[in-house]
Every structure is written in C-alpha cells, then in structure tokens.
Protein backbone atom coordinates (compact mmCIF):
# COMPACT_ATOMS: atom_id res chain seq x y z
CA UNK A 1 10.94 16.55 -26.87
CA UNK A 2 10.52 13.83 -29.49
CA UNK A 3 11.69 10.07 -29.01
CA UNK A 4 14.95 10.55 -30.97
CA UNK A 5 16.12 13.33 -28.93
CA UNK A 6 15.42 11.34 -25.64
CA UNK A 7 17.35 8.46 -27.07
CA UNK A 8 20.29 10.64 -28.15
CA UNK A 9 20.80 11.67 -24.47
CA UNK A 10 21.87 8.39 -23.40
CA UNK A 11 24.72 8.35 -25.92
CA UNK A 12 26.24 11.53 -25.14
CA UNK A 13 29.59 11.82 -23.65
CA UNK A 14 29.33 10.63 -19.98
CA UNK A 15 32.37 12.83 -19.05
CA UNK A 16 30.77 15.98 -20.42
CA UNK A 17 30.01 18.26 -17.56
CA UNK A 18 26.56 19.90 -17.03
CA UNK A 19 26.79 23.58 -18.44
CA UNK A 20 25.18 25.24 -15.46
CA UNK A 21 25.69 23.80 -11.95
CA UNK A 22 25.05 26.93 -10.08
CA UNK A 23 21.59 25.87 -9.18
CA UNK A 24 23.08 22.87 -7.35
CA UNK A 25 24.93 25.12 -5.08
CA UNK A 26 21.97 27.45 -4.59
CA UNK A 27 19.98 24.53 -3.61
CA UNK A 28 22.41 23.19 -1.08
CA UNK A 29 23.96 20.43 -3.08
CA UNK A 30 27.30 19.04 -2.02
CA UNK A 31 29.75 16.75 -4.03
CA UNK A 32 30.09 13.30 -2.41
CA UNK A 33 33.15 10.99 -3.59
CA UNK A 34 32.73 7.40 -3.71
CA UNK A 35 35.03 4.59 -5.26
CA UNK A 36 32.97 4.91 -8.36
CA UNK A 37 33.28 8.61 -8.81
CA UNK A 38 31.46 11.72 -7.53
CA UNK A 39 27.82 12.30 -7.19
CA UNK A 40 25.63 15.30 -5.55
CA UNK A 41 23.61 15.14 -2.38
CA UNK A 42 20.95 17.54 -1.04
CA UNK A 43 20.36 17.20 2.73
CA UNK A 44 17.51 18.90 4.51
CA UNK A 45 16.87 18.39 8.21
CA UNK A 46 13.59 18.77 10.16
CA UNK A 47 12.77 18.97 13.78
CA UNK A 48 11.10 15.53 15.00
CA UNK A 49 8.37 17.94 16.63
CA UNK A 50 7.47 19.34 13.23
CA UNK A 51 6.36 15.64 12.32
CA UNK A 52 4.31 15.41 15.55
CA UNK A 53 6.56 12.77 16.79
CA UNK A 54 7.55 12.40 20.44
CA UNK A 55 10.12 9.63 20.35
CA UNK A 56 11.85 8.41 17.33
CA UNK A 57 12.46 5.15 19.07
CA UNK A 58 8.63 4.60 19.05
CA UNK A 59 7.68 1.19 17.80
CA UNK A 60 5.09 0.79 14.83
CA UNK A 61 4.38 -2.75 16.23
CA UNK A 62 0.67 -2.74 15.53
CA UNK A 63 1.26 -1.90 11.95
CA UNK A 64 3.89 -4.57 11.63
CA UNK A 65 1.58 -7.08 13.29
CA UNK A 66 -1.15 -6.35 10.95
CA UNK A 67 1.10 -7.00 8.04
CA UNK A 68 2.83 -9.99 9.66
CA UNK A 69 6.24 -8.18 9.81
CA UNK A 70 8.92 -8.33 12.76
CA UNK A 71 8.36 -5.22 14.65
CA UNK A 72 10.52 -2.21 14.16
CA UNK A 73 10.79 1.35 15.50
CA UNK A 74 10.69 4.47 13.31
CA UNK A 75 14.43 5.13 13.86
CA UNK A 76 15.14 1.69 12.28
CA UNK A 77 13.12 2.76 9.11
CA UNK A 78 14.41 4.44 6.01
CA UNK A 79 11.71 6.19 3.84
CA UNK A 80 12.52 5.60 0.33
CA UNK A 81 11.35 7.43 -2.89
CA UNK A 82 12.85 7.88 -6.41
CA UNK A 83 12.30 10.18 -9.36
CA UNK A 84 12.74 8.57 -12.67
CA UNK A 85 13.32 9.32 -16.42
CA UNK A 86 10.10 7.30 -17.16
CA UNK A 87 6.80 6.51 -15.81
CA UNK A 88 7.11 2.76 -16.81
CA UNK A 89 8.99 0.15 -14.93
CA UNK A 90 11.20 -0.99 -17.86
CA UNK A 91 14.94 -1.80 -17.77
CA UNK A 92 15.71 1.50 -19.60
CA UNK A 93 14.08 3.51 -16.59
CA UNK A 94 16.85 5.47 -14.69
CA UNK A 95 16.47 6.78 -11.06
CA UNK A 96 18.02 10.12 -11.38
CA UNK A 97 17.07 11.21 -7.90
CA UNK A 98 16.95 8.92 -4.85
CA UNK A 99 15.39 10.28 -1.75
CA UNK A 100 16.06 8.90 1.56
CA UNK A 101 14.43 9.78 5.00
CA UNK A 102 15.67 8.77 8.22
CA UNK A 103 15.84 9.91 11.95
CA UNK A 104 19.01 10.77 13.70
CA UNK A 105 19.78 12.84 16.51
CA UNK A 106 16.28 13.79 17.35
CA UNK A 107 16.01 15.15 13.79
CA UNK A 108 14.42 13.81 10.44
CA UNK A 109 16.88 13.94 7.77
CA UNK A 110 16.05 13.74 3.89
CA UNK A 111 19.05 13.01 1.89
CA UNK A 112 18.63 13.13 -1.82
CA UNK A 113 21.22 11.78 -4.07
CA UNK A 114 21.24 13.37 -7.47
CA UNK A 115 22.61 11.87 -10.78
CA UNK A 116 23.84 14.87 -12.92
CA UNK A 117 24.65 12.74 -15.74
CA UNK A 118 24.09 9.08 -16.77
CA UNK A 119 27.95 8.29 -16.07
CA UNK A 120 27.30 8.99 -12.27
CA UNK A 121 24.69 6.34 -11.84
CA UNK A 122 27.44 3.73 -10.13
CA UNK A 123 28.41 6.52 -7.82
CA UNK A 124 24.75 7.26 -6.84
CA UNK A 125 23.82 3.56 -6.29
CA UNK A 126 27.01 2.91 -4.25
CA UNK A 127 26.25 5.85 -1.88
CA UNK A 128 22.61 4.84 -1.64
CA UNK A 129 23.53 1.21 -0.64
CA UNK A 130 25.86 2.45 2.05
CA UNK A 131 22.96 4.37 3.55
CA UNK A 132 20.49 1.69 3.25
CA UNK A 133 22.60 -0.72 5.12
CA UNK A 134 22.08 1.17 8.39
CA UNK A 135 18.47 0.33 8.63
CA UNK A 136 16.07 -2.57 9.05
CA UNK A 137 13.01 -1.75 7.08
CA UNK A 138 12.25 0.22 3.75
CA UNK A 139 9.21 2.33 3.93
CA UNK A 140 7.68 3.25 0.36
CA UNK A 141 4.58 4.20 -1.23
CA UNK A 142 3.95 2.12 -4.16
CA UNK A 143 7.37 1.04 -3.97
CA UNK A 144 6.85 -2.80 -4.15
CA UNK A 145 5.39 -2.39 -7.60
CA UNK A 146 7.45 0.66 -9.04
CA UNK A 147 10.44 2.06 -6.90
CA UNK A 148 11.99 -1.11 -5.54
CA UNK A 149 11.80 -3.18 -8.81
CA UNK A 150 13.54 -0.40 -10.85
CA UNK A 151 16.23 0.36 -8.31
CA UNK A 152 17.09 -3.38 -8.05
CA UNK A 153 17.34 -3.43 -11.98
CA UNK A 154 19.68 -0.58 -11.88
CA UNK A 155 21.93 -2.25 -9.26
CA UNK A 156 21.95 -5.45 -11.51
CA UNK A 157 22.78 -3.57 -14.68
CA UNK A 158 25.71 -1.69 -13.15
CA UNK A 159 26.84 -4.73 -11.15
CA UNK A 160 27.03 -2.68 -7.96
CA UNK A 161 26.82 -4.66 -4.74
CA UNK A 162 25.27 -3.79 -1.33
CA UNK A 163 21.64 -3.05 -2.06
CA UNK A 164 19.70 -4.97 0.92
CA UNK A 165 17.60 -7.16 -1.26
CA UNK A 166 16.11 -9.11 1.65
CA UNK A 167 15.16 -5.99 3.71
CA UNK A 168 11.49 -5.96 4.50
CA UNK A 169 9.57 -3.38 2.56
CA UNK A 170 6.33 -1.43 4.04
CA UNK A 171 4.38 -0.28 1.06
CA UNK A 172 1.83 2.25 2.38
CA UNK A 173 -0.11 2.03 -0.85
CA UNK A 174 -1.50 -1.32 0.07
CA UNK A 175 -3.38 -0.25 3.34
CA UNK A 176 -4.40 2.97 1.79
CA UNK A 177 -6.16 1.06 -1.02
CA UNK A 178 -7.68 -1.50 1.31
CA UNK A 179 -9.16 1.11 3.57
CA UNK A 180 -9.82 4.08 1.42
CA UNK A 181 -10.24 2.91 -2.22
CA UNK A 182 -14.18 2.70 -2.19
CA UNK A 183 -14.55 5.85 -0.28
CA UNK A 184 -12.05 8.35 -1.87
CA UNK A 185 -11.75 8.99 -5.62
CA UNK A 186 -7.93 8.80 -5.52
CA UNK A 187 -5.62 7.03 -3.22
CA UNK A 188 -2.41 8.81 -4.61
CA UNK A 189 -0.07 10.05 -2.05
CA UNK A 190 -1.11 13.72 -2.74
CA UNK A 191 -4.59 13.06 -2.13
CA UNK A 192 -4.26 11.25 1.11
CA UNK A 193 -2.08 14.04 2.35
CA UNK A 194 -5.08 16.35 1.83
CA UNK A 195 -7.86 13.92 3.01
CA UNK A 196 -5.89 12.19 5.89
CA UNK A 197 -3.21 14.53 6.93
CA UNK A 198 -4.58 17.96 6.22
CA UNK A 199 -1.60 18.79 3.95
CA UNK A 200 -2.11 20.93 0.83
CA UNK A 201 0.77 21.27 -1.45
CA UNK A 202 1.26 24.49 -3.23
CA UNK A 203 3.03 25.03 -6.64
CA UNK A 204 3.77 21.18 -6.74
CA UNK A 205 5.07 19.96 -9.98
CA UNK A 206 2.88 17.03 -11.29
CA UNK A 207 4.51 13.75 -11.33
CA UNK A 208 4.10 13.05 -15.09
CA UNK A 209 6.26 16.01 -15.89
CA UNK A 210 9.33 14.86 -13.96
CA UNK A 211 10.84 12.74 -16.56
CA UNK A 212 10.67 15.55 -19.28
CA UNK A 213 12.27 17.88 -16.59
CA UNK A 214 15.46 15.45 -16.45
CA UNK A 215 15.57 15.09 -20.30
CA UNK A 216 15.54 18.91 -20.74
CA UNK A 217 18.33 19.24 -18.08
CA UNK A 218 20.35 16.62 -20.01
CA UNK A 219 19.94 18.31 -23.29
CA UNK A 220 20.31 21.92 -22.35
CA UNK A 221 22.42 21.78 -19.10
CA UNK A 222 19.73 23.32 -17.13
CA UNK A 223 15.91 23.44 -16.31
CA UNK A 224 14.65 25.62 -13.50
CA UNK A 225 12.09 23.09 -12.61
CA UNK A 226 14.53 20.86 -11.14
CA UNK A 227 14.40 22.45 -7.73
CA UNK A 228 10.56 21.88 -7.72
CA UNK A 229 11.42 18.14 -8.41
CA UNK A 230 13.68 18.08 -5.43
CA UNK A 231 10.89 19.82 -3.32
CA UNK A 232 8.34 17.21 -4.59
CA UNK A 233 10.45 14.36 -3.49
CA UNK A 234 11.18 15.70 -0.11
CA UNK A 235 7.47 16.24 0.40
CA UNK A 236 6.82 12.78 -0.80
CA UNK A 237 9.28 11.55 2.05
CA UNK A 238 7.93 13.36 4.82
CA UNK A 239 4.41 12.55 4.03
CA UNK A 240 5.12 8.88 4.21
CA UNK A 241 6.50 9.36 7.80
CA UNK A 242 3.15 10.89 8.75
CA UNK A 243 1.07 8.42 6.83
CA UNK A 244 2.94 5.49 8.45
CA UNK A 245 2.20 7.01 11.93
CA UNK A 246 -1.46 7.55 10.91
CA UNK A 247 -1.90 3.96 9.93
CA UNK A 248 -0.14 2.67 13.18
CA UNK A 249 -2.45 4.81 15.24
CA UNK A 250 -5.44 3.52 13.30
CA UNK A 251 -4.27 -0.07 13.63
CA UNK A 252 -3.69 0.62 17.60
CA UNK A 253 -7.29 1.55 18.07
CA UNK A 254 -8.44 -1.47 16.21
CA UNK A 255 -6.12 -3.68 18.21
CA UNK A 256 -7.05 -2.32 21.59
CA UNK A 257 -10.80 -2.45 20.60
CA UNK A 258 -11.38 1.19 20.76
CA UNK A 259 -13.91 0.77 17.99
CA UNK A 260 -15.77 4.09 19.23
CA UNK A 261 -12.75 6.08 18.22
CA UNK A 262 -12.61 4.84 14.72
CA UNK A 263 -14.76 6.75 12.20
CA UNK A 264 -17.99 4.70 11.37
CA UNK A 265 -17.70 5.16 7.59
CA UNK A 266 -14.43 3.09 7.74
CA UNK A 267 -15.95 0.12 9.68
CA UNK A 268 -16.96 -1.87 6.41
CA UNK A 269 -13.31 -1.54 4.67
CA UNK A 270 -11.53 -2.03 7.98
CA UNK A 271 -13.56 -5.31 8.45
CA UNK A 272 -12.57 -6.54 5.05
CA UNK A 273 -8.85 -5.54 5.80
CA UNK A 274 -9.00 -7.48 9.01
CA UNK A 275 -10.50 -10.54 7.60
CA UNK A 276 -7.34 -12.10 6.33
CA UNK A 277 -5.17 -10.66 8.98
CA UNK A 278 -6.85 -11.01 12.50
CA UNK A 279 -10.14 -13.10 12.23
CA UNK A 280 -11.03 -12.58 15.96
CA UNK A 281 -10.73 -8.81 15.61
CA UNK A 282 -12.89 -8.97 12.37
CA UNK A 283 -15.63 -10.74 14.21
CA UNK A 284 -15.69 -8.38 17.12
CA UNK A 285 -15.58 -5.25 14.79
CA UNK A 286 -18.67 -6.66 12.84
CA UNK A 287 -20.49 -7.52 16.12
CA UNK A 288 -19.61 -4.00 17.50
CA UNK A 289 -20.80 -2.11 14.47
CA UNK A 290 -23.99 -4.26 13.97
CA UNK A 291 -25.32 -6.69 11.57
CA UNK A 292 -26.53 -3.84 9.53
CA UNK A 293 -22.89 -3.35 8.20
CA UNK A 294 -23.62 -6.66 6.26
CA UNK A 295 -26.75 -5.55 4.47
CA UNK A 296 -26.35 -5.45 0.72
CA UNK A 297 -22.72 -6.72 1.01
CA UNK A 298 -22.99 -10.29 -0.05
CA UNK A 299 -19.03 -10.67 0.10
CA UNK A 300 -18.85 -9.32 3.78
CA UNK A 301 -21.84 -11.66 4.64
CA UNK A 302 -19.87 -14.62 3.54
CA UNK A 303 -16.78 -13.46 5.25
CA UNK A 304 -18.44 -13.15 8.56
CA UNK A 305 -20.05 -16.54 8.25
CA UNK A 306 -16.70 -18.30 7.28
CA UNK A 307 -15.04 -16.48 10.19
CA UNK A 308 -17.58 -17.84 12.67
CA UNK A 309 -17.09 -21.48 11.23
CA UNK A 310 -13.23 -21.17 11.28
CA UNK A 311 -13.38 -19.89 14.90
CA UNK A 312 -15.44 -22.90 15.97
CA UNK A 313 -18.54 -20.83 16.60
CA UNK A 314 -21.04 -22.97 14.88
CA UNK A 315 -23.73 -22.49 16.92
CA UNK A 316 -23.42 -18.67 16.69
CA UNK A 317 -23.26 -19.22 13.00
CA UNK A 318 -26.49 -21.13 12.82
CA UNK A 319 -28.35 -18.59 14.90
CA UNK A 320 -27.18 -15.97 12.72
CA UNK A 321 -28.23 -17.63 9.51
CA UNK A 322 -31.48 -18.31 10.91
CA UNK A 323 -32.22 -14.74 11.76
CA UNK A 324 -30.46 -13.34 8.49
CA UNK A 325 -32.13 -15.29 5.53
CA UNK A 326 -30.68 -14.75 2.17
CA UNK A 327 -29.57 -17.24 -0.64
CA UNK A 328 -26.09 -17.85 0.97
CA UNK A 329 -27.33 -18.47 4.60
CA UNK A 330 -30.01 -20.84 3.25
CA UNK A 331 -27.28 -22.68 1.41
CA UNK A 332 -25.31 -23.00 4.58
CA UNK A 333 -28.12 -24.15 6.72
CA UNK A 334 -28.89 -26.83 3.90
CA UNK A 335 -25.24 -27.99 4.02
CA UNK A 336 -25.18 -28.24 7.95
CA UNK A 337 -28.42 -30.25 8.00
CA UNK A 338 -27.34 -32.60 5.02
CA UNK A 339 -23.70 -33.21 6.09
CA UNK A 340 -23.45 -32.78 9.80
CA UNK A 341 -27.01 -33.49 11.14
CA UNK A 342 -27.97 -35.89 8.39
CA UNK A 343 -31.51 -34.56 8.48
CA UNK A 344 -32.03 -34.75 4.79
CA UNK A 345 -35.58 -33.59 4.69
CA UNK A 346 -34.86 -30.45 6.73
CA UNK A 347 -31.94 -29.81 4.23
CA UNK A 348 -34.33 -30.30 1.37
CA UNK A 349 -36.87 -27.99 2.80
CA UNK A 350 -34.31 -25.12 2.84
CA UNK A 351 -33.23 -25.73 -0.72
CA UNK A 352 -36.89 -25.69 -2.03
CA UNK A 353 -37.75 -22.66 -0.16
CA UNK A 354 -34.61 -20.78 -1.39
CA UNK A 355 -35.74 -21.62 -5.03
CA UNK A 356 -39.29 -20.50 -4.47
CA UNK A 357 -38.40 -17.26 -2.75
CA UNK A 358 -35.25 -16.44 -4.71
CA UNK A 359 -36.56 -13.26 -6.39
CA UNK A 360 -37.69 -12.06 -3.09
CA UNK A 361 -34.19 -12.66 -1.52
CA UNK A 362 -32.07 -10.90 -4.06
CA UNK A 363 -32.55 -8.61 -7.15
CA UNK A 364 -29.38 -9.73 -8.66
CA UNK A 365 -30.16 -12.11 -11.54
CA UNK A 366 -26.88 -13.55 -11.80
CA UNK A 367 -26.61 -14.37 -8.10
CA UNK A 368 -30.13 -15.95 -8.32
CA UNK A 369 -29.02 -18.12 -11.09
CA UNK A 370 -25.93 -19.14 -9.57
CA UNK A 371 -27.72 -20.22 -6.33
CA UNK A 372 -30.55 -21.80 -8.23
CA UNK A 373 -28.06 -24.04 -10.03
CA UNK A 374 -26.55 -25.01 -6.68
CA UNK A 375 -29.86 -25.51 -4.83
CA UNK A 376 -31.17 -27.72 -7.77
CA UNK A 377 -27.92 -29.77 -7.74
CA UNK A 378 -28.23 -30.26 -4.00
CA UNK A 379 -31.97 -31.20 -4.22
CA UNK A 380 -31.21 -33.95 -6.62
CA UNK A 381 -28.61 -35.31 -4.44
CA UNK A 382 -30.91 -35.08 -1.35
CA UNK A 383 -33.68 -36.92 -3.15
CA UNK A 384 -31.37 -39.97 -3.99
CA UNK A 385 -30.23 -39.82 -0.34
CA UNK A 386 -33.89 -39.95 0.92
CA UNK A 387 -34.87 -42.76 -1.42
C-alpha cells in the first residue's frame, strides 16, 4: 500500500460500517456502548495458576524499592500494550487496539479495545480511561518511550478526559536492558520470553507488519491477519506479567543477599544496576563476587571506589587501591596524600610512578593519554607546593 492510499483512509466516511464484521463475532468480540458511541472489546481470561502466581495480592515491593516507587500488589497493576497504525511516535499515529491486563476474582483478564474505524476513537479512549482508573500502576514494555506518549497524545487530540496522567509507570524494558543488554543480542519482549521465561511463540505476526494489517482492513473491510494481531497483543500482555514477577524474584534474591542463587554471569550487570539504586548492596555484591569482577572494567572499578568513599569506608578504599594498582587507583592515592594528608612528596611519587609505568598499567592509549595529562598537571601543582 502506497502513501497516498494510506492517507486516503483517514478521509473516508467515519460512519461507513466495515464490510465484514463476522470475524469479530468469531473472535469473541462484543459491542460496548459509551457516551461517545460504540466500540468493540475482546475479553480473554486465564486461571491465575497458569501464570505460576499463587496470590494476586502478592506485592512487588522489591521491584518498587529498586526503582524508587511506592509498593503495590499485582492486583493493583494494569498491564498495558497498544497496537498502532505506525511504528513511529508522531501525532498521526493511532492506537487501533488497546490491550489491558488485570487480575480479578482469581483470574487474569486480558481486555482488548478495538477501533473498527477512526470515528470510534473517542469511544475507545473513554472506555480505556474508565478501566485504567481502577488501578494504581501501569505496567508496560517500552511504554514510557512509545505506548504512553502516543496514548496521551490521542487523549489530548480528542479532548477526552480521564486518562490517569499521574499514575506511576513500570517500564520493564529498563531493567531488561540494564541487566541483559550486554549478554543477549536482543532485549525485545519476544527474545526475553524465550531466554528468561522459556516461552516460544508459534505463528506470531511480526510487529512491523501490524500497521499494514490495519490499513488493509480499513481499505478492504477485512484482513485475516487481524486475529493474529489480537493474539500477538494478548501474548505481549501475559508475558509482561511473567517478566515483572521474574524481575521481582531476582531483586528479592539480591535484597536478601542470596547472591549464591543469582547466576554468576549476571553479577557485573546487576552490580552496575545497583550502583545508582542501593550503594550498600552494590558494595556487598562486589565483595561477594570477588575483585576479579572488576578486572578490565575501568568503569566498574571507579564505581566501586566511589561507593567506598561515599559510604565513609576510606581506609578500606586506601587498602583496595594499594592492592589493585592501575591508573585510576594511583590518581586516587595521589589525591588522598595531596589533599587529606598533605604529604606532597608521597603524592608526587604516585604521579611520577604512574607516568613511568603507564604502558604497563593499561593498553588503552586514549586512557593513558587522559591520565598522563592529569598526572602532569598534578605534578606541576605539587612541585609548586613543595617549593
């Protein structure tokens, strides 16, 4: 479909009915009436046991603590995912399918609100807002960047009230990238399903095809791939539940210091994840894993050193730098003896030794040049102080 055909769809008669609606009934769709007209919802329920959850009132406190959020329970969360007419986040992008997942009566319900034609958008948005008002937190995957900005734009354009703009948002892509980006080739939801949850999708429609499915539907009145789009959206939502539980369990192991239960290949990334969130746990994980974790990782070495200083563990930091000599630790020692101890000669010795042995201490030429310039500047200042 070319651009002209796609644009023409937006200017068709909004009151014109879709020519083939039998697929909606076959897929279990029901008409919902709102003050803004009618729309369609698809509702699917799953036993809670099928999601390996014992209690829908279980809190996800450790996840919330890690991300500095107010604690909530699973049944206070609404899992949110949209399918759109474009893969961009521009103002012309419509959410033609809004998927909402929530726990109720010991079941997990996936309710999907479908926009048969563009004129139904106000009804879709109104019904969605009514549902969202019942919950305390929205859970998404890449929602802070994509889903939430798009849906907020649609509410503003249609002047529909009720979207909970201040509701906290859990975006599961953030911890996924922090912990797994350097380990796995992809951190897409589908990849994480396979790698972390053991879920393999069969006959799943690729996300890049979904906008074209809806354009074909608007142009011809039917596209058999629509049922696959609905199923794709359902799987996205149920997978978010499992992924949230996974991360909460992982964080619980860390917070209770059961480091032996955490896969060792995750230590380095989890440590970096902890650095800005819980500095004490960061230090404890590094020390449990061993200082070998810091080898050949200049950034993590600096973070550990900074964490010791911020925690008031200066003597421990000095001992660590003396035992683990590199350009950074030598600079920290020089700074300590220049500014705290006022032993300018000892500070000078660290600087001159660092420059003389820089090529043995690092094979990174840019790093060597960076520290050589810093040490040279410090040497000149120390010489003036000594004189």
